[in-house]
Amino acid sequence: MACSTPSHPEPLYRFANASRLLYAPSTSPEPVMTHAQSPSWFVIRSKATADIGYDALVPTVIFTALALVMVILRLCSRTCSNPSRIGLEDYFITAALVSIDIADLGEDATYPALLPAMLKLVLAQAILYHLASNLVKASLILQYIRLFSLVPHVLWSCYILLILVFSATAWGALGNIFLCRPIRSYWDVTISGVCMNKERHFWSTSIIGIVVDVAVWTLPLPVVGRLSLPKRQKTGLLVVFGLGGFVCIITILRLALVRYAMVNGQVTRCGTFAIVFSSIEINVAIICASLLVMKPLLARFIPCIISEQPLSAAEDGRASRALTSTHMLRTSIADATEKRECRERNDTLVEMNGSSE
């Protein structure tokens, strides 16, 4: 039996501000979802979703694979001499990797029957993105607390940042979960519900994320610059934190490109930018956070990278044992702190002598 031509064209699915679906006529024979010019509206055609595939898949897979390798090496570095050295920050970074891997999984919604499933994935990916991003930041801050425990002002800054990170996680994840009331109305258009302004939530979480990113990656730079470390090691630390600055740039670039694509109606590009840059942002942050604790592994297998000059076998053994803990870095921090306090005491004495004269 030949298929009869429908008397009415396929409906146009329009996402409203609260991700609600309204119906309007369309002359297109394809199932279509439309979107106006804001993060709360977007147009996705059945062919457009397929076009996102390889553009988003290839860089996402590459950076996720690199992050996976770095986390494995990080854990090996932690346990190469003492398995008990695995800390809370290592669990956080592993959880971040798992979260972003799950968030990268998805499917294309080509037909109206798949719309609820697609909206569930959109919600799940938004929640997992906030969890992964903030878990990486929390892992870095916990590492700072371990390393800079002898520097009071850095330590207090770490505690404040940790509170901000947990608050940002709650606002990002819970804000998405309770975006609509009841929650089910986010993906089930047959249920009457009320949703808050998604665009405001999107921009508020994005701005908070950028501010916290900049604070987390720049916090240790003044202390690292004053450390009494060999030149090569200090340069390596500064390079790693410089890559952290690259993470901030990726975050800002992602927002700018997604917004530009939305305003110009380039929906496929908008989806690609969101997927690719979100994945790159978190995976690069995971890589940088892992590089910070890989010195023991490098000292054992590639000692020439750590040392300033070639070492004998005995010296190499001693250096490897010394570098399997944070003792050297903590000692350098203590020395730098002591010198700073000594200078402050001398300055105070000079001022007191000057005033007495």
Protein backbone atom coordinates (compact mmCIF):
# COMPACT_ATOMS: atom_id res chain seq x y z
CA MET A 1 0.00 0.00 0.00
CA ALA A 2 1.38 3.37 -0.99
CA CYS A 3 1.85 5.91 1.74
CA SER A 4 -0.72 8.64 1.60
CA THR A 5 0.33 12.26 1.74
CA PRO A 6 -0.67 13.87 5.04
CA SER A 7 -3.32 16.53 4.77
CA HIS A 8 -1.38 18.75 7.21
CA PRO A 9 2.33 19.51 7.08
CA GLU A 10 4.66 18.29 9.79
CA PRO A 11 4.45 20.54 12.88
CA LEU A 12 7.10 23.02 13.82
CA TYR A 13 8.33 22.47 17.37
CA ARG A 14 9.19 25.72 19.08
CA PHE A 15 11.09 25.84 22.35
CA ALA A 16 9.75 28.61 24.54
CA ASN A 17 11.69 30.36 27.28
CA ALA A 18 11.03 27.59 29.76
CA SER A 19 11.83 24.85 27.25
CA ARG A 20 8.09 24.41 26.68
CA LEU A 21 6.94 23.18 23.29
CA LEU A 22 4.39 25.21 21.36
CA TYR A 23 3.06 24.18 18.00
CA ALA A 24 2.94 26.28 14.85
CA PRO A 25 2.47 25.35 11.19
CA SER A 26 5.46 24.76 8.97
CA THR A 27 5.89 24.12 5.27
CA SER A 28 8.92 21.91 5.84
CA PRO A 29 8.35 18.16 5.30
CA GLU A 30 10.88 17.40 8.04
CA PRO A 31 10.34 17.34 11.78
CA VAL A 32 11.71 20.66 12.97
CA MET A 33 12.35 22.24 16.35
CA THR A 34 12.87 25.97 16.32
CA HIS A 35 14.62 28.45 18.42
CA ALA A 36 14.68 32.24 18.71
CA GLN A 37 17.72 34.35 19.36
CA SER A 38 18.64 33.49 22.96
CA PRO A 39 20.04 30.58 24.99
CA SER A 40 16.45 29.68 25.89
CA TRP A 41 15.46 29.22 22.24
CA PHE A 42 17.08 27.21 19.51
CA VAL A 43 16.31 25.73 16.10
CA ILE A 44 17.30 22.17 15.33
CA ARG A 45 16.35 20.45 12.10
CA SER A 46 16.58 16.72 11.64
CA LYS A 47 19.55 17.10 9.28
CA ALA A 48 21.24 19.73 11.44
CA THR A 49 21.61 17.37 14.38
CA ALA A 50 23.40 14.83 12.22
CA ASP A 51 25.81 17.50 10.93
CA ILE A 52 27.11 18.09 14.47
CA GLY A 53 28.47 14.53 14.68
CA TYR A 54 32.09 14.35 13.56
CA ASP A 55 32.88 18.04 14.17
CA ALA A 56 32.09 17.51 17.84
CA LEU A 57 33.13 13.87 18.16
CA VAL A 58 36.76 14.02 16.98
CA PRO A 59 38.14 16.79 19.27
CA THR A 60 36.01 15.53 22.16
CA VAL A 61 37.40 12.00 21.88
CA ILE A 62 41.00 13.27 21.52
CA PHE A 63 40.94 15.52 24.57
CA THR A 64 38.98 13.02 26.66
CA ALA A 65 41.54 10.32 25.83
CA LEU A 66 44.40 12.65 26.81
CA ALA A 67 42.66 13.50 30.08
CA LEU A 68 42.12 9.79 30.81
CA VAL A 69 45.81 9.04 30.23
CA MET A 70 46.86 11.94 32.46
CA VAL A 71 44.57 10.86 35.31
CA ILE A 72 45.96 7.31 35.11
CA LEU A 73 49.52 8.68 35.20
CA ARG A 74 48.52 10.96 38.07
CA LEU A 75 47.30 8.00 40.13
CA CYS A 76 50.43 6.02 39.22
CA SER A 77 52.56 8.97 40.34
CA ARG A 78 50.68 9.14 43.62
CA THR A 79 51.03 5.42 44.34
CA CYS A 80 54.51 4.73 42.93
CA SER A 81 56.06 4.91 46.39
CA ASN A 82 53.16 5.01 48.85
CA PRO A 83 49.58 3.97 47.97
CA SER A 84 48.26 5.88 50.98
CA ARG A 85 49.25 9.18 49.32
CA ILE A 86 46.05 9.24 47.26
CA GLY A 87 44.06 12.16 48.62
CA LEU A 88 40.58 13.60 48.35
CA GLU A 89 41.67 15.76 45.41
CA ASP A 90 42.51 12.58 43.43
CA TYR A 91 39.01 11.22 43.98
CA PHE A 92 37.56 14.57 42.90
CA ILE A 93 39.58 14.67 39.68
CA THR A 94 38.59 11.07 38.87
CA ALA A 95 34.93 11.89 39.49
CA ALA A 96 35.27 14.93 37.20
CA LEU A 97 36.67 12.72 34.41
CA VAL A 98 33.81 10.23 34.80
CA SER A 99 31.25 13.05 34.79
CA ILE A 100 32.52 14.65 31.60
CA ASP A 101 32.74 11.24 29.89
CA ILE A 102 29.09 10.56 30.71
CA ALA A 103 28.12 14.09 29.65
CA ASP A 104 29.77 13.53 26.26
CA LEU A 105 27.39 10.66 25.57
CA GLY A 106 24.24 11.65 23.73
CA GLU A 107 21.94 11.00 20.82
CA ASP A 108 20.40 13.04 18.04
CA ALA A 109 16.73 13.87 18.27
CA THR A 110 15.46 13.60 14.70
CA TYR A 111 11.79 12.80 15.23
CA PRO A 112 9.17 14.15 17.61
CA ALA A 113 9.03 10.81 19.45
CA LEU A 114 12.63 11.35 20.55
CA LEU A 115 12.08 14.87 21.89
CA PRO A 116 11.52 13.84 25.54
CA ALA A 117 14.65 11.68 25.46
CA MET A 118 16.65 14.54 23.94
CA LEU A 119 15.46 16.99 26.59
CA LYS A 120 16.39 14.53 29.33
CA LEU A 121 19.89 14.31 27.83
CA VAL A 122 20.14 18.10 27.62
CA LEU A 123 19.24 18.35 31.31
CA ALA A 124 21.61 15.54 32.33
CA GLN A 125 24.51 17.00 30.32
CA ALA A 126 24.01 20.46 31.86
CA ILE A 127 24.08 18.97 35.37
CA LEU A 128 27.14 16.80 34.66
CA TYR A 129 28.99 19.75 33.09
CA HIS A 130 28.64 21.79 36.29
CA LEU A 131 29.64 18.81 38.44
CA ALA A 132 32.73 18.01 36.33
CA SER A 133 33.87 21.61 36.01
CA ASN A 134 33.60 22.34 39.73
CA LEU A 135 35.08 19.00 40.80
CA VAL A 136 38.25 19.91 38.90
CA LYS A 137 38.39 23.29 40.66
CA ALA A 138 37.78 21.67 44.05
CA SER A 139 40.55 19.16 43.35
CA LEU A 140 42.98 21.97 42.54
CA ILE A 141 42.06 23.92 45.66
CA LEU A 142 42.54 20.84 47.86
CA GLN A 143 45.97 20.40 46.28
CA TYR A 144 46.77 24.04 47.09
CA ILE A 145 45.71 23.48 50.71
CA ARG A 146 48.12 20.54 50.92
CA LEU A 147 51.02 22.49 49.37
CA PHE A 148 50.49 25.99 50.78
CA SER A 149 49.42 25.11 54.32
CA LEU A 150 52.37 27.17 55.63
CA VAL A 151 51.19 30.36 53.91
CA PRO A 152 48.21 31.67 55.96
CA HIS A 153 46.79 34.15 53.45
CA VAL A 154 46.85 31.57 50.65
CA LEU A 155 45.30 28.98 52.95
CA TRP A 156 42.40 31.26 53.87
CA SER A 157 41.93 32.20 50.22
CA CYS A 158 41.70 28.48 49.41
CA TYR A 159 38.96 27.95 51.99
CA ILE A 160 36.98 30.90 50.64
CA LEU A 161 37.37 29.65 47.07
CA LEU A 162 36.29 26.16 48.12
CA ILE A 163 33.07 27.59 49.56
CA LEU A 164 32.50 29.53 46.32
CA VAL A 165 33.08 26.39 44.23
CA PHE A 166 30.58 24.34 46.24
CA SER A 167 28.08 27.21 46.01
CA ALA A 168 28.58 27.42 42.24
CA THR A 169 28.08 23.66 41.98
CA ALA A 170 24.82 23.87 43.89
CA TRP A 171 23.55 26.80 41.81
CA GLY A 172 24.58 25.20 38.52
CA ALA A 173 23.41 21.63 39.15
CA LEU A 174 20.38 22.24 41.37
CA GLY A 175 19.38 25.25 39.30
CA ASN A 176 19.12 23.00 36.24
CA ILE A 177 17.33 20.24 38.14
CA PHE A 178 14.69 22.62 39.50
CA LEU A 179 14.58 24.82 36.41
CA CYS A 180 10.96 23.77 35.94
CA ARG A 181 8.30 22.89 38.48
CA PRO A 182 7.41 20.08 38.38
CA ILE A 183 10.78 18.78 37.18
CA ARG A 184 9.12 16.42 34.71
CA SER A 185 7.64 19.36 32.81
CA TYR A 186 11.16 20.13 31.51
CA TRP A 187 10.88 17.23 29.04
CA ASP A 188 7.19 16.30 29.14
CA VAL A 189 5.27 18.98 27.25
CA THR A 190 1.92 17.47 28.15
CA ILE A 191 2.40 18.55 31.77
CA SER A 192 1.56 22.09 32.81
CA GLY A 193 4.46 23.65 34.68
CA VAL A 194 6.28 26.87 35.50
CA CYS A 195 9.94 27.44 34.61
CA MET A 196 12.35 30.16 35.62
CA ASN A 197 14.28 32.23 33.09
CA LYS A 198 16.81 29.83 31.60
CA GLU A 199 18.83 32.59 29.95
CA ARG A 200 19.52 34.30 33.28
CA HIS A 201 20.57 31.01 34.84
CA PHE A 202 22.85 30.29 31.87
CA TRP A 203 24.64 33.63 32.06
CA SER A 204 24.84 33.72 35.85
CA THR A 205 26.48 30.28 36.03
CA SER A 206 28.82 31.17 33.16
CA ILE A 207 30.01 34.44 34.73
CA ILE A 208 30.46 32.82 38.15
CA GLY A 209 32.43 30.01 36.52
CA ILE A 210 34.79 32.41 34.74
CA VAL A 211 35.43 34.44 37.91
CA VAL A 212 36.17 31.31 39.97
CA ASP A 213 38.37 29.92 37.16
CA VAL A 214 40.53 33.04 37.11
CA ALA A 215 40.79 33.07 40.91
CA VAL A 216 41.75 29.37 41.14
CA TRP A 217 44.41 29.47 38.45
CA THR A 218 46.02 32.76 39.51
CA LEU A 219 45.98 32.22 43.29
CA PRO A 220 49.33 30.36 43.57
CA LEU A 221 51.28 32.42 41.02
CA PRO A 222 52.71 35.02 43.49
CA VAL A 223 53.84 32.27 45.87
CA VAL A 224 55.34 30.10 43.12
CA GLY A 225 57.26 33.11 41.79
CA ARG A 226 59.00 33.52 45.18
CA LEU A 227 59.85 29.85 45.73
CA SER A 228 63.49 28.77 46.07
CA LEU A 229 63.14 26.02 43.46
CA PRO A 230 65.53 25.07 40.65
CA LYS A 231 64.88 27.17 37.58
CA ARG A 232 63.60 24.26 35.50
CA GLN A 233 61.09 23.16 38.14
CA LYS A 234 59.83 26.69 38.72
CA THR A 235 59.43 27.18 34.96
CA GLY A 236 57.47 23.93 34.75
CA LEU A 237 55.09 25.05 37.48
CA LEU A 238 54.54 28.43 35.83
CA VAL A 239 53.88 26.71 32.47
CA VAL A 240 51.24 24.46 34.06
CA PHE A 241 49.48 27.44 35.64
CA GLY A 242 49.79 29.21 32.30
CA LEU A 243 47.85 26.34 30.73
CA GLY A 244 45.28 26.97 33.44
CA GLY A 245 44.93 30.46 32.00
CA PHE A 246 44.23 28.77 28.66
CA VAL A 247 41.28 27.03 30.36
CA CYS A 248 39.86 30.46 31.26
CA ILE A 249 40.29 31.60 27.65
CA ILE A 250 38.47 28.48 26.39
CA THR A 251 35.57 29.19 28.76
CA ILE A 252 35.21 32.77 27.52
CA LEU A 253 35.61 31.69 23.88
CA ARG A 254 32.92 29.04 24.29
CA LEU A 255 30.43 31.60 25.58
CA ALA A 256 31.29 34.11 22.85
CA LEU A 257 31.01 31.59 20.01
CA VAL A 258 27.82 30.00 21.31
CA ARG A 259 26.20 33.42 21.70
CA TYR A 260 27.36 34.50 18.22
CA ALA A 261 25.97 31.33 16.64
CA MET A 262 22.65 31.76 18.44
CA VAL A 263 22.22 35.38 17.39
CA ASN A 264 22.98 34.52 13.76
CA GLY A 265 20.75 31.45 13.71
CA GLN A 266 23.63 29.03 13.10
CA VAL A 267 22.16 26.26 15.20
CA THR A 268 24.42 23.42 14.11
CA ARG A 269 27.48 25.53 14.91
CA CYS A 270 25.93 26.51 18.23
CA GLY A 271 25.55 22.87 19.25
CA THR A 272 29.03 22.01 18.02
CA PHE A 273 30.63 24.91 19.90
CA ALA A 274 28.82 24.01 23.12
CA ILE A 275 29.81 20.34 22.96
CA VAL A 276 33.41 20.77 21.80
CA PHE A 277 34.46 23.70 23.98
CA SER A 278 32.76 22.35 27.11
CA SER A 279 34.64 19.08 26.69
CA ILE A 280 37.97 20.78 25.89
CA GLU A 281 37.59 23.19 28.81
CA ILE A 282 37.14 20.46 31.41
CA ASN A 283 39.61 17.99 29.90
CA VAL A 284 42.40 20.60 29.67
CA ALA A 285 41.71 21.54 33.30
CA ILE A 286 42.00 17.86 34.27
CA ILE A 287 45.29 17.58 32.36
CA CYS A 288 46.74 20.67 34.08
CA ALA A 289 45.61 19.52 37.52
CA SER A 290 47.23 16.12 36.90
CA LEU A 291 50.51 17.63 35.69
CA LEU A 292 50.92 19.38 39.04
CA VAL A 293 51.39 16.08 40.88
CA MET A 294 53.33 14.08 38.28
CA LYS A 295 56.80 15.13 39.42
CA PRO A 296 57.52 11.79 41.18
CA LEU A 297 56.72 9.84 38.02
CA LEU A 298 58.86 12.14 35.87
CA ALA A 299 61.69 11.97 38.39
CA ARG A 300 61.65 8.18 38.26
CA PHE A 301 61.41 7.65 34.49
CA ILE A 302 62.61 10.95 32.95
CA PRO A 303 64.92 12.50 35.60
CA CYS A 304 66.57 14.83 33.08
CA ILE A 305 63.34 16.85 32.93
CA ILE A 306 63.38 17.49 36.67
CA SER A 307 67.08 17.95 37.38
CA GLU A 308 69.17 20.88 36.26
CA GLN A 309 72.12 18.69 35.26
CA PRO A 310 72.75 14.98 34.52
CA LEU A 311 72.74 12.84 37.66
CA SER A 312 74.74 9.77 38.60
CA ALA A 313 72.89 6.57 39.47
CA ALA A 314 73.17 7.24 43.21
CA GLU A 315 72.11 10.88 42.82
CA ASP A 316 69.22 9.82 40.60
CA GLY A 317 68.00 7.43 43.29
CA ARG A 318 68.20 10.08 46.00
CA ALA A 319 66.45 12.64 43.79
CA SER A 320 63.66 10.21 42.96
CA ARG A 321 63.07 9.46 46.63
CA ALA A 322 63.11 13.13 47.53
CA LEU A 323 60.65 14.03 44.80
CA THR A 324 58.09 11.39 45.74
CA SER A 325 56.62 13.77 48.29
CA THR A 326 55.76 17.44 48.55
CA HIS A 327 58.52 17.99 51.11
CA MET A 328 60.74 20.00 48.76
CA LEU A 329 57.96 22.32 47.72
CA ARG A 330 56.72 22.76 51.28
CA THR A 331 60.28 23.50 52.44
CA SER A 332 60.64 26.12 49.71
CA ILE A 333 57.35 27.69 50.75
CA ALA A 334 58.49 27.76 54.39
CA ASP A 335 61.79 29.39 53.39
CA ALA A 336 60.01 32.01 51.31
CA THR A 337 57.57 32.73 54.15
CA GLU A 338 60.40 33.04 56.68
CA LYS A 339 62.31 35.45 54.44
CA ARG A 340 59.20 37.58 53.92
CA GLU A 341 58.53 37.74 57.66
CA CYS A 342 62.17 38.63 58.29
CA ARG A 343 61.97 41.51 55.81
CA GLU A 344 58.76 42.74 57.44
CA ARG A 345 60.40 42.69 60.88
CA ASN A 346 63.42 44.60 59.56
CA ASP A 347 61.15 47.18 57.91
CA THR A 348 59.25 47.59 61.19
CA LEU A 349 62.50 48.12 63.12
CA VAL A 350 63.68 50.72 60.60
CA GLU A 351 60.39 52.60 60.90
CA MET A 352 60.54 52.49 64.71
CA ASN A 353 64.13 53.78 64.75
CA GLY A 354 63.22 56.55 62.33
CA SER A 355 60.26 57.67 64.43
CA SER A 356 62.32 57.65 67.67
CA GLU A 357 64.92 59.93 66.12
